[in-house]
Amino acid sequence: MNGIPDLIAFNRYFGWYGDDCKEMGEWIDKEHRAYPQRCMGISEYGAGADVFQQTDSLIHPEPWGQWHPENWQTYYHIENWKQLASRPFLWCKFVWCMFDFSAAGRKEGTTFGRNDKGLVTYDRRIKKDAFYFYKANWNKKEKVLYIASKRCQNKSNSSVDIQVFSNCGDVELFVNGKSMGKCTPDEVCVATWNNVPLQSGENQVTVRASELSDNCVWYNND
């Protein structure tokens, strides 16, 4: 039956419901090789995130559990979009979904009865990190500069990796007023600085690119 329609799309959650994020591209290529004439797309992909749950360690959460830290959703979307964007033969690539929504029976994150895969919270007030990742990639008419994981204020190590979403060229990072150097964003608008040292206690983090700037405060509890 999958060979009958002119267009077909699949719901695939590699990196959320088990599996690994890298399997998205592997699965797509396998399907495309087997059915090269098929006009295929991805109709759903996504991962849960609760903006009130933050951690600086990257651990695959239990999809049906009550711990859905925001940083895994961010990682998930970066890694999946790299693979989807590099395969132009896909006719659609639909994120699931824009807003958190009611879902009877779910017991995930801090609010039961809710699906937290949205890029924006249920009340439409808080845009999650993944929202700004896609804004940098998809809205080229508006300049975007955004520090990822800014809500994760408490850091457990004295050095951190810092990611910034930018579609406005080279980005310069400052920590406590000291320049950590400039970085050119990659093909999916992510600029990364590895092993950036933090002082004990409060740290002022600022990024600048073109005429834009963004900042946050992190605390080193190491």
Protein backbone atom coordinates (compact mmCIF):
# COMPACT_ATOMS: atom_id res chain seq x y z
CA MET A 1 0.00 0.00 0.00
CA ASN A 2 2.92 2.36 0.59
CA GLY A 3 3.62 2.28 -3.14
CA ILE A 4 0.17 3.56 -4.12
CA PRO A 5 0.13 7.25 -3.05
CA ASP A 6 2.05 9.95 -4.92
CA LEU A 7 3.49 11.23 -1.63
CA ILE A 8 4.31 9.39 1.59
CA ALA A 9 5.76 10.50 4.91
CA PHE A 10 6.86 8.67 8.06
CA ASN A 11 6.82 9.44 11.78
CA ARG A 12 10.32 8.62 13.07
CA TYR A 13 11.70 9.40 16.52
CA PHE A 14 15.28 8.12 16.40
CA GLY A 15 17.03 9.41 19.51
CA TRP A 16 13.89 9.75 21.59
CA TYR A 17 11.94 6.47 21.68
CA GLY A 18 15.10 4.41 21.97
CA ASP A 19 17.62 4.19 19.17
CA ASP A 20 20.22 6.85 18.42
CA CYS A 21 19.91 10.20 16.62
CA LYS A 22 22.34 9.10 13.90
CA GLU A 23 19.94 6.35 12.87
CA MET A 24 17.59 8.87 11.24
CA GLY A 25 19.89 9.39 8.27
CA GLU A 26 20.78 5.71 8.06
CA TRP A 27 17.11 4.71 7.95
CA ILE A 28 16.22 7.36 5.35
CA ASP A 29 19.07 6.27 3.06
CA LYS A 30 18.10 2.62 3.36
CA GLU A 31 14.47 3.40 2.43
CA HIS A 32 15.56 5.67 -0.43
CA ARG A 33 17.85 3.01 -1.88
CA ALA A 34 15.11 0.40 -1.70
CA TYR A 35 12.45 2.67 -3.23
CA PRO A 36 14.24 5.43 -5.20
CA GLN A 37 11.05 6.31 -7.10
CA ARG A 38 9.11 6.97 -3.89
CA CYS A 39 8.52 10.62 -2.94
CA MET A 40 9.15 10.29 0.79
CA GLY A 41 9.31 12.65 3.72
CA ILE A 42 9.37 12.82 7.51
CA SER A 43 5.97 13.82 8.92
CA GLU A 44 6.97 13.73 12.61
CA TYR A 45 10.21 13.88 14.58
CA GLY A 46 10.76 15.35 18.02
CA ALA A 47 11.71 14.95 21.68
CA GLY A 48 10.26 16.06 25.00
CA ALA A 49 11.61 18.95 27.06
CA ASP A 50 10.58 20.58 30.31
CA VAL A 51 12.01 24.08 30.73
CA PHE A 52 11.86 23.63 34.52
CA GLN A 53 14.18 20.62 34.35
CA GLN A 54 17.79 21.49 33.61
CA THR A 55 21.11 19.61 33.71
CA ASP A 56 24.56 20.13 32.24
CA SER A 57 25.07 16.41 31.61
CA LEU A 58 23.80 14.93 28.34
CA ILE A 59 21.93 11.72 29.16
CA HIS A 60 19.15 10.13 27.10
CA PRO A 61 16.00 10.54 29.25
CA GLU A 62 13.27 7.96 29.61
CA PRO A 63 10.57 9.09 27.10
CA TRP A 64 7.75 7.96 29.39
CA GLY A 65 9.46 9.21 32.55
CA GLN A 66 9.18 12.38 34.61
CA TRP A 67 12.69 13.71 33.93
CA HIS A 68 12.79 15.52 30.57
CA PRO A 69 15.73 17.97 30.76
CA GLU A 70 15.71 20.60 28.04
CA ASN A 71 19.26 20.00 26.81
CA TRP A 72 18.44 16.58 25.35
CA GLN A 73 15.72 18.06 23.16
CA THR A 74 18.20 20.67 21.92
CA TYR A 75 20.81 18.00 21.13
CA TYR A 76 18.18 15.83 19.47
CA HIS A 77 16.99 18.54 17.10
CA ILE A 78 20.51 19.67 16.16
CA GLU A 79 21.59 16.13 15.29
CA ASN A 80 18.36 15.23 13.46
CA TRP A 81 18.24 18.46 11.47
CA LYS A 82 21.82 17.94 10.26
CA GLN A 83 20.69 14.71 8.67
CA LEU A 84 17.37 15.95 7.34
CA ALA A 85 18.79 19.16 5.87
CA SER A 86 21.46 17.24 3.96
CA ARG A 87 18.87 15.09 2.14
CA PRO A 88 17.06 17.40 -0.30
CA PHE A 89 15.05 14.53 -1.82
CA LEU A 90 12.77 14.57 1.26
CA TRP A 91 9.62 16.45 0.32
CA CYS A 92 8.78 17.33 3.95
CA LYS A 93 10.52 17.54 7.33
CA PHE A 94 7.86 18.32 9.93
CA VAL A 95 8.87 18.96 13.54
CA TRP A 96 6.53 17.49 16.16
CA CYS A 97 5.56 20.00 17.36
CA MET A 98 5.30 23.78 17.82
CA PHE A 99 3.59 23.90 21.25
CA ASP A 100 3.28 21.57 24.25
CA PHE A 101 -0.27 20.21 24.26
CA SER A 102 -2.75 18.27 26.40
CA ALA A 103 -2.53 14.48 26.15
CA ALA A 104 -4.64 12.44 28.56
CA GLY A 105 -2.80 9.60 30.24
CA ARG A 106 0.73 10.96 29.86
CA LYS A 107 2.85 11.29 32.99
CA GLU A 108 5.96 13.04 31.71
CA GLY A 109 8.03 15.98 32.92
CA THR A 110 6.59 18.17 35.66
CA THR A 111 3.02 18.29 34.34
CA PHE A 112 0.93 15.14 33.94
CA GLY A 113 -1.52 14.96 31.06
CA ARG A 114 0.75 16.89 28.73
CA ASN A 115 2.97 16.12 25.74
CA ASP A 116 6.10 18.25 26.13
CA LYS A 117 7.61 17.84 22.65
CA GLY A 118 6.72 21.43 21.74
CA LEU A 119 9.32 24.03 20.79
CA VAL A 120 7.26 26.45 22.92
CA THR A 121 5.59 25.86 26.28
CA TYR A 122 1.88 25.09 26.64
CA ASP A 123 1.02 28.68 27.62
CA ARG A 124 2.95 30.05 24.58
CA ARG A 125 5.16 32.13 26.90
CA ILE A 126 8.56 30.39 26.89
CA LYS A 127 10.41 29.54 23.69
CA LYS A 128 12.67 26.55 24.27
CA ASP A 129 16.28 26.44 23.07
CA ALA A 130 15.31 24.28 20.09
CA PHE A 131 12.93 27.04 18.92
CA TYR A 132 15.88 29.42 18.49
CA PHE A 133 17.92 26.73 16.77
CA TYR A 134 15.28 26.45 14.06
CA LYS A 135 14.75 30.20 13.91
CA ALA A 136 18.44 30.66 13.12
CA ASN A 137 18.23 28.02 10.39
CA TRP A 138 14.84 28.80 8.87
CA ASN A 139 14.33 32.55 9.21
CA LYS A 140 17.19 34.04 7.21
CA LYS A 141 15.45 37.43 7.02
CA GLU A 142 15.83 37.97 10.76
CA LYS A 143 19.20 37.84 12.51
CA VAL A 144 19.37 35.39 15.41
CA LEU A 145 21.95 35.15 18.20
CA TYR A 146 21.11 32.92 21.15
CA ILE A 147 23.06 31.16 23.91
CA ALA A 148 21.88 27.57 24.41
CA SER A 149 21.28 26.18 27.91
CA LYS A 150 21.02 29.64 29.47
CA ARG A 151 18.31 28.32 31.80
CA CYS A 152 20.76 25.74 33.16
CA GLN A 153 22.37 28.24 35.51
CA ASN A 154 24.10 25.85 37.91
CA LYS A 155 27.15 24.17 36.41
CA SER A 156 28.77 21.14 38.00
CA ASN A 157 32.18 21.57 36.34
CA SER A 158 34.75 24.35 36.21
CA SER A 159 34.91 24.12 32.39
CA VAL A 160 31.95 23.93 30.02
CA ASP A 161 31.13 23.56 26.35
CA ILE A 162 29.14 26.54 25.08
CA GLN A 163 26.81 26.45 22.08
CA VAL A 164 25.37 29.50 20.37
CA PHE A 165 22.81 29.62 17.57
CA SER A 166 23.67 32.31 15.04
CA ASN A 167 22.83 33.16 11.43
CA CYS A 168 24.80 36.42 11.41
CA GLY A 169 28.39 35.36 10.82
CA ASP A 170 31.28 34.99 13.23
CA VAL A 171 30.43 35.08 16.93
CA GLU A 172 32.72 36.29 19.73
CA LEU A 173 32.34 34.85 23.22
CA PHE A 174 33.14 36.72 26.43
CA VAL A 175 33.24 35.20 29.92
CA ASN A 176 33.47 37.72 32.74
CA GLY A 177 34.54 40.35 30.23
CA LYS A 178 37.40 38.27 28.78
CA SER A 179 37.26 37.23 25.13
CA MET A 180 37.28 33.48 24.51
CA GLY A 181 37.75 34.07 20.79
CA LYS A 182 35.58 34.06 17.72
CA CYS A 183 33.83 31.06 16.18
CA THR A 184 32.23 30.55 12.77
CA PRO A 185 28.87 28.73 13.00
CA ASP A 186 28.65 25.38 11.23
CA GLU A 187 26.25 24.36 8.46
CA VAL A 188 23.32 24.32 10.89
CA CYS A 189 24.09 27.69 12.52
CA VAL A 190 25.76 26.31 15.67
CA ALA A 191 28.91 27.93 17.04
CA THR A 192 30.71 25.86 19.70
CA TRP A 193 33.47 26.61 22.20
CA ASN A 194 34.83 23.58 24.06
CA ASN A 195 36.25 23.47 27.59
CA VAL A 196 35.62 27.11 28.44
CA PRO A 197 36.85 27.82 32.00
CA LEU A 198 34.50 29.27 34.60
CA GLN A 199 35.52 31.01 37.79
CA SER A 200 34.10 29.90 41.11
CA GLY A 201 30.67 31.36 41.78
CA GLU A 202 28.97 33.75 39.36
CA ASN A 203 29.98 34.00 35.70
CA GLN A 204 28.78 36.56 33.18
CA VAL A 205 28.55 35.01 29.69
CA THR A 206 28.09 37.27 26.65
CA VAL A 207 28.18 36.69 22.89
CA ARG A 208 28.34 39.27 20.13
CA ALA A 209 27.88 39.03 16.39
CA SER A 210 27.25 41.86 13.97
CA GLU A 211 25.11 44.36 15.89
CA LEU A 212 23.54 41.69 18.13
CA SER A 213 24.41 40.44 21.61
CA ASP A 214 23.03 37.88 24.06
CA ASN A 215 23.99 37.15 27.65
CA CYS A 216 23.27 34.99 30.68
CA VAL A 217 24.59 34.24 34.16
CA TRP A 218 25.93 30.83 35.13
CA TYR A 219 27.19 29.62 38.52
CA ASN A 220 30.15 27.30 38.91
CA ASN A 221 29.47 25.02 41.87
CA ASP A 222 32.47 22.77 41.30
